[in-house]
Amino acid sequence: MEAAGDLQGAEENLTKALALNPDNPDAIYGQATLELRKGHAAQALELARKLQKRSPKSTFGFTLEGDALAAQKQYGAAAQAYENALKIGSSGTIMQRLHRAQASAGGLRQRRDLAGH
C-alpha cells in the first residue's frame, strides 16, 4: 500500500500490526519509515531507538537513526549512527548513506569556517 502512495492505508495497517504485537520489528521499522516520509523525524528517531533495543543485532535501527538524524540536518550524529550499523553488517546502501552524511557534515563545517573569516 505504501508503494502505491496510500500513506493513510499503510499507517492504518501498521497501527493494527503494532496493536497485535508492539514489539514486532518489521512493524516498528515500517512505522519509522512512514514517519520519515511524513516529515516527522523526531518520531522516527524515537522508533529507531526502540528498534535498536528490540533487535540490537540488526542494522535497521541504526540505519533509521541515521536517516532521522540526517533529516534533522544532524549529519555528524547521522554518520555515527551509520558507522554503528556498519559494525553490525556491511551494506552498500549504508555505506552510501554514511558517505553522504560525512560529506554533508564536512560541507557544513566548511561553510561555517568560511562564514567566520
C-alpha atoms as a PDB file:
ATOM      1  CA  MET A   1       0.000   0.000   0.000  1.00  0.00           C
ATOM      2  CA  GLU A   2       2.745   2.443   0.882  1.00  0.00           C
ATOM      3  CA  ALA A   3       4.375   1.938  -2.510  1.00  0.00           C
ATOM      4  CA  ALA A   4       1.135   2.988  -4.151  1.00  0.00           C
ATOM      5  CA  GLY A   5       1.224   6.244  -2.218  1.00  0.00           C
ATOM      6  CA  ASP A   6      -1.517   5.267   0.236  1.00  0.00           C
ATOM      7  CA  LEU A   7       0.198   6.565   3.360  1.00  0.00           C
ATOM      8  CA  GLN A   8      -3.023   6.585   5.352  1.00  0.00           C
ATOM      9  CA  GLY A   9      -3.716   2.944   4.487  1.00  0.00           C
ATOM     10  CA  ALA A  10      -0.143   1.997   5.339  1.00  0.00           C
ATOM     11  CA  GLU A  11      -0.426   3.802   8.652  1.00  0.00           C
ATOM     12  CA  GLU A  12      -3.686   2.017   9.478  1.00  0.00           C
ATOM     13  CA  ASN A  13      -2.138  -1.372   8.719  1.00  0.00           C
ATOM     14  CA  LEU A  14       0.960  -0.605  10.795  1.00  0.00           C
ATOM     15  CA  THR A  15      -1.174   0.590  13.687  1.00  0.00           C
ATOM     16  CA  LYS A  16      -3.099  -2.690  13.581  1.00  0.00           C
ATOM     17  CA  ALA A  17       0.112  -4.724  13.413  1.00  0.00           C
ATOM     18  CA  LEU A  18       1.606  -2.849  16.365  1.00  0.00           C
ATOM     19  CA  ALA A  19      -1.621  -3.269  18.353  1.00  0.00           C
ATOM     20  CA  LEU A  20      -1.319  -7.036  17.885  1.00  0.00           C
ATOM     21  CA  ASN A  21       2.409  -7.094  18.648  1.00  0.00           C
ATOM     22  CA  PRO A  22       4.028  -3.848  19.870  1.00  0.00           C
ATOM     23  CA  ASP A  23       7.487  -5.440  19.653  1.00  0.00           C
ATOM     24  CA  ASN A  24       7.201  -6.515  16.008  1.00  0.00           C
ATOM     25  CA  PRO A  25      10.456  -5.231  14.485  1.00  0.00           C
ATOM     26  CA  ASP A  26       9.029  -5.154  10.951  1.00  0.00           C
ATOM     27  CA  ALA A  27       6.081  -3.032  12.061  1.00  0.00           C
ATOM     28  CA  ILE A  28       8.342  -0.706  14.082  1.00  0.00           C
ATOM     29  CA  TYR A  29      10.602  -0.312  11.040  1.00  0.00           C
ATOM     30  CA  GLY A  30       7.602   0.365   8.814  1.00  0.00           C
ATOM     31  CA  GLN A  31       6.193   2.926  11.217  1.00  0.00           C
ATOM     32  CA  ALA A  32       9.550   4.723  11.473  1.00  0.00           C
ATOM     33  CA  THR A  33       9.893   4.796   7.701  1.00  0.00           C
ATOM     34  CA  LEU A  34       6.381   6.162   7.399  1.00  0.00           C
ATOM     35  CA  GLU A  35       7.117   8.868   9.984  1.00  0.00           C
ATOM     36  CA  LEU A  36      10.164   9.914   7.952  1.00  0.00           C
ATOM     37  CA  ARG A  37       8.072  10.122   4.790  1.00  0.00           C
ATOM     38  CA  LYS A  38       5.586  12.325   6.633  1.00  0.00           C
ATOM     39  CA  GLY A  39       8.419  14.612   7.769  1.00  0.00           C
ATOM     40  CA  HIS A  40       8.275  13.541  11.431  1.00  0.00           C
ATOM     41  CA  ALA A  41      11.970  12.925  12.043  1.00  0.00           C
ATOM     42  CA  ALA A  42      11.714  13.128  15.850  1.00  0.00           C
ATOM     43  CA  GLN A  43       9.094  10.360  15.948  1.00  0.00           C
ATOM     44  CA  ALA A  44      11.143   8.280  13.515  1.00  0.00           C
ATOM     45  CA  LEU A  45      14.203   8.697  15.729  1.00  0.00           C
ATOM     46  CA  GLU A  46      12.266   7.506  18.767  1.00  0.00           C
ATOM     47  CA  LEU A  47      11.080   4.425  16.860  1.00  0.00           C
ATOM     48  CA  ALA A  48      14.591   3.776  15.536  1.00  0.00           C
ATOM     49  CA  ARG A  49      15.933   3.667  19.081  1.00  0.00           C
ATOM     50  CA  LYS A  50      13.081   1.377  20.117  1.00  0.00           C
ATOM     51  CA  LEU A  51      14.010  -0.913  17.235  1.00  0.00           C
ATOM     52  CA  GLN A  52      17.658  -0.897  18.358  1.00  0.00           C
ATOM     53  CA  LYS A  53      16.584  -2.146  21.782  1.00  0.00           C
ATOM     54  CA  ARG A  54      14.284  -4.818  20.320  1.00  0.00           C
ATOM     55  CA  SER A  55      16.735  -6.006  17.659  1.00  0.00           C
ATOM     56  CA  PRO A  56      20.258  -4.964  18.718  1.00  0.00           C
ATOM     57  CA  LYS A  57      21.945  -7.221  16.150  1.00  0.00           C
ATOM     58  CA  SER A  58      20.054  -5.672  13.242  1.00  0.00           C
ATOM     59  CA  THR A  59      21.353  -2.799  11.146  1.00  0.00           C
ATOM     60  CA  PHE A  60      17.857  -1.406  10.628  1.00  0.00           C
ATOM     61  CA  GLY A  61      17.558   0.538  13.896  1.00  0.00           C
ATOM     62  CA  PHE A  62      20.896   2.269  13.435  1.00  0.00           C
ATOM     63  CA  THR A  63      20.225   2.975   9.768  1.00  0.00           C
ATOM     64  CA  LEU A  64      16.867   4.507  10.646  1.00  0.00           C
ATOM     65  CA  GLU A  65      18.543   6.548  13.373  1.00  0.00           C
ATOM     66  CA  GLY A  66      20.971   7.888  10.779  1.00  0.00           C
ATOM     67  CA  ASP A  67      18.138   8.667   8.381  1.00  0.00           C
ATOM     68  CA  ALA A  68      16.186  10.531  11.073  1.00  0.00           C
ATOM     69  CA  LEU A  69      19.240  12.494  12.180  1.00  0.00           C
ATOM     70  CA  ALA A  70      20.130  13.352   8.590  1.00  0.00           C
ATOM     71  CA  ALA A  71      16.565  14.584   8.070  1.00  0.00           C
ATOM     72  CA  GLN A  72      17.192  16.911  11.020  1.00  0.00           C
ATOM     73  CA  LYS A  73      20.487  18.026   9.414  1.00  0.00           C
ATOM     74  CA  GLN A  74      22.488  16.481  12.264  1.00  0.00           C
ATOM     75  CA  TYR A  75      24.962  14.986   9.822  1.00  0.00           C
ATOM     76  CA  GLY A  76      27.782  14.189  12.227  1.00  0.00           C
ATOM     77  CA  ALA A  77      25.447  12.241  14.501  1.00  0.00           C
ATOM     78  CA  ALA A  78      23.885  10.575  11.450  1.00  0.00           C
ATOM     79  CA  ALA A  79      27.332   9.454  10.280  1.00  0.00           C
ATOM     80  CA  GLN A  80      27.983   7.918  13.699  1.00  0.00           C
ATOM     81  CA  ALA A  81      24.680   6.009  13.533  1.00  0.00           C
ATOM     82  CA  TYR A  82      25.567   4.672  10.074  1.00  0.00           C
ATOM     83  CA  GLU A  83      29.003   3.646  11.355  1.00  0.00           C
ATOM     84  CA  ASN A  84      27.272   1.749  14.174  1.00  0.00           C
ATOM     85  CA  ALA A  85      25.122  -0.020  11.600  1.00  0.00           C
ATOM     86  CA  LEU A  86      28.214  -0.983   9.596  1.00  0.00           C
ATOM     87  CA  LYS A  87      29.760  -2.544  12.716  1.00  0.00           C
ATOM     88  CA  ILE A  88      26.826  -4.967  12.721  1.00  0.00           C
ATOM     89  CA  GLY A  89      26.739  -5.678   9.000  1.00  0.00           C
ATOM     90  CA  SER A  90      28.196  -4.251   5.835  1.00  0.00           C
ATOM     91  CA  SER A  91      25.865  -2.883   3.190  1.00  0.00           C
ATOM     92  CA  GLY A  92      26.428  -0.758   0.132  1.00  0.00           C
ATOM     93  CA  THR A  93      23.325   1.263   0.958  1.00  0.00           C
ATOM     94  CA  ILE A  94      24.566   2.060   4.451  1.00  0.00           C
ATOM     95  CA  MET A  95      27.990   2.971   3.084  1.00  0.00           C
ATOM     96  CA  GLN A  96      26.364   5.386   0.628  1.00  0.00           C
ATOM     97  CA  ARG A  97      24.337   6.992   3.411  1.00  0.00           C
ATOM     98  CA  LEU A  98      27.452   7.252   5.577  1.00  0.00           C
ATOM     99  CA  HIS A  99      29.346   8.948   2.756  1.00  0.00           C
ATOM    100  CA  ARG A 100      26.504  11.431   2.179  1.00  0.00           C
ATOM    101  CA  ALA A 101      26.300  12.253   5.892  1.00  0.00           C
ATOM    102  CA  GLN A 102      30.064  12.723   6.136  1.00  0.00           C
ATOM    103  CA  ALA A 103      30.106  14.907   3.040  1.00  0.00           C
ATOM    104  CA  SER A 104      27.211  16.978   4.362  1.00  0.00           C
ATOM    105  CA  ALA A 105      28.863  17.335   7.765  1.00  0.00           C
ATOM    106  CA  GLY A 106      32.094  18.412   6.084  1.00  0.00           C
ATOM    107  CA  GLY A 107      30.243  20.845   3.870  1.00  0.00           C
ATOM    108  CA  LEU A 108      28.579  22.404   6.892  1.00  0.00           C
ATOM    109  CA  ARG A 109      31.929  22.753   8.640  1.00  0.00           C
ATOM    110  CA  GLN A 110      33.463  24.378   5.559  1.00  0.00           C
ATOM    111  CA  ARG A 111      30.588  26.861   5.251  1.00  0.00           C
ATOM    112  CA  ARG A 112      30.873  27.748   8.946  1.00  0.00           C
ATOM    113  CA  ASP A 113      34.640  28.206   8.601  1.00  0.00           C
ATOM    114  CA  LEU A 114      34.153  30.481   5.601  1.00  0.00           C
ATOM    115  CA  ALA A 115      31.486  32.468   7.407  1.00  0.00           C
ATOM    116  CA  GLY A 116      33.900  33.060  10.280  1.00  0.00           C
ATOM    117  CA  HIS A 117      36.537  34.655   8.018  1.00  0.00           C
END
